Amino acid sequence: MVIKVEFEKDLEQKFREAAMRRYGYSKGSITKATEDAVRAWVKGRDMVEKSKDPFKLIEGVLSHLRGKYTSVQLQHETSKLWK
């Protein structure tokens, strides 16, 4: 099956570079990387949609930082997760 997609030039270049680093500089590396990206996106969407409480999915993500940082420092740490 074929799906055609257009990306912004800089995103396309970064995606191609990452795909080739991961899968090699041979035919099919872009296809493999695209399939992996779409699978990950669908899986993430399915998890959120099936969850009655999406916040439970991220519960405990910063638990290893408990007691080590102030609330302001934790806010900065969480902002790094969303980049």
Protein backbone atom coordinates (compact mmCIF):
# COMPACT_ATOMS: atom_id res chain seq x y z
CA MET A 1 0.00 0.00 0.00
CA VAL A 2 1.25 3.48 -0.81
CA ILE A 3 0.67 6.66 1.18
CA LYS A 4 2.19 9.88 -0.10
CA VAL A 5 3.10 12.53 2.44
CA GLU A 6 4.73 15.94 2.13
CA PHE A 7 6.95 17.31 4.89
CA GLU A 8 8.61 20.63 5.47
CA LYS A 9 12.09 20.54 3.93
CA ASP A 10 14.02 20.65 7.22
CA LEU A 11 11.89 17.89 8.78
CA GLU A 12 12.31 15.70 5.72
CA GLN A 13 16.09 16.13 5.80
CA LYS A 14 16.30 15.27 9.51
CA PHE A 15 14.04 12.24 9.00
CA ARG A 16 16.12 10.95 6.08
CA GLU A 17 19.35 11.35 8.04
CA ALA A 18 17.93 9.59 11.10
CA ALA A 19 16.46 6.77 8.99
CA MET A 20 19.72 6.14 7.20
CA ARG A 21 21.74 6.19 10.42
CA ARG A 22 19.34 3.66 11.93
CA TYR A 23 18.71 1.38 8.94
CA GLY A 24 21.73 2.01 6.73
CA TYR A 25 22.24 3.76 3.45
CA SER A 26 20.40 1.23 1.33
CA LYS A 27 17.09 0.99 -0.45
CA GLY A 28 14.17 0.62 1.94
CA SER A 29 15.59 2.50 4.93
CA ILE A 30 13.08 5.36 4.56
CA THR A 31 10.21 2.86 4.28
CA LYS A 32 11.32 0.98 7.42
CA ALA A 33 11.70 4.21 9.40
CA THR A 34 8.31 5.47 8.23
CA GLU A 35 6.61 2.22 9.21
CA ASP A 36 8.25 2.34 12.65
CA ALA A 37 7.18 5.96 13.16
CA VAL A 38 3.58 5.28 12.15
CA ARG A 39 3.40 2.14 14.32
CA ALA A 40 4.71 4.06 17.34
CA TRP A 41 2.22 6.88 16.73
CA VAL A 42 -0.73 4.48 16.40
CA LYS A 43 0.35 2.51 19.47
CA GLY A 44 0.61 5.72 21.52
CA ARG A 45 -2.81 6.88 20.35
CA ASP A 46 -4.33 3.49 21.16
CA MET A 47 -2.89 3.56 24.68
CA VAL A 48 -4.33 7.01 25.38
CA GLU A 49 -7.72 6.19 23.87
CA LYS A 50 -8.03 2.91 25.80
CA SER A 51 -7.02 4.51 29.07
CA LYS A 52 -9.85 5.89 31.15
CA ASP A 53 -7.37 8.25 32.78
CA PRO A 54 -4.55 9.31 30.41
CA PHE A 55 -2.63 10.86 33.30
CA LYS A 56 -2.11 7.35 34.72
CA LEU A 57 0.04 6.65 31.63
CA ILE A 58 2.67 9.13 32.79
CA GLU A 59 2.33 8.56 36.51
CA GLY A 60 5.70 7.89 38.07
CA VAL A 61 7.77 9.19 35.14
CA LEU A 62 9.63 11.58 37.45
CA SER A 63 9.50 9.42 40.59
CA HIS A 64 13.27 8.90 40.45
CA LEU A 65 13.64 12.66 41.13
CA ARG A 66 11.48 12.69 44.27
CA GLY A 67 13.15 14.67 47.07
CA LYS A 68 16.10 15.71 44.90
CA TYR A 69 14.62 18.83 43.33
CA THR A 70 12.36 21.73 44.22
CA SER A 71 8.97 22.12 42.51
CA VAL A 72 10.43 24.71 40.14
CA GLN A 73 13.28 22.41 39.17
CA LEU A 74 10.78 19.60 38.55
CA GLN A 75 8.84 21.89 36.22
CA HIS A 76 12.01 22.41 34.22
CA GLU A 77 12.64 18.66 34.11
CA THR A 78 9.12 17.97 32.84
CA SER A 79 9.49 20.57 30.11
CA LYS A 80 12.49 18.58 28.81
CA LEU A 81 10.28 15.49 28.46
CA TRP A 82 7.92 17.22 26.05
CA LYS A 83 10.59 18.41 23.60
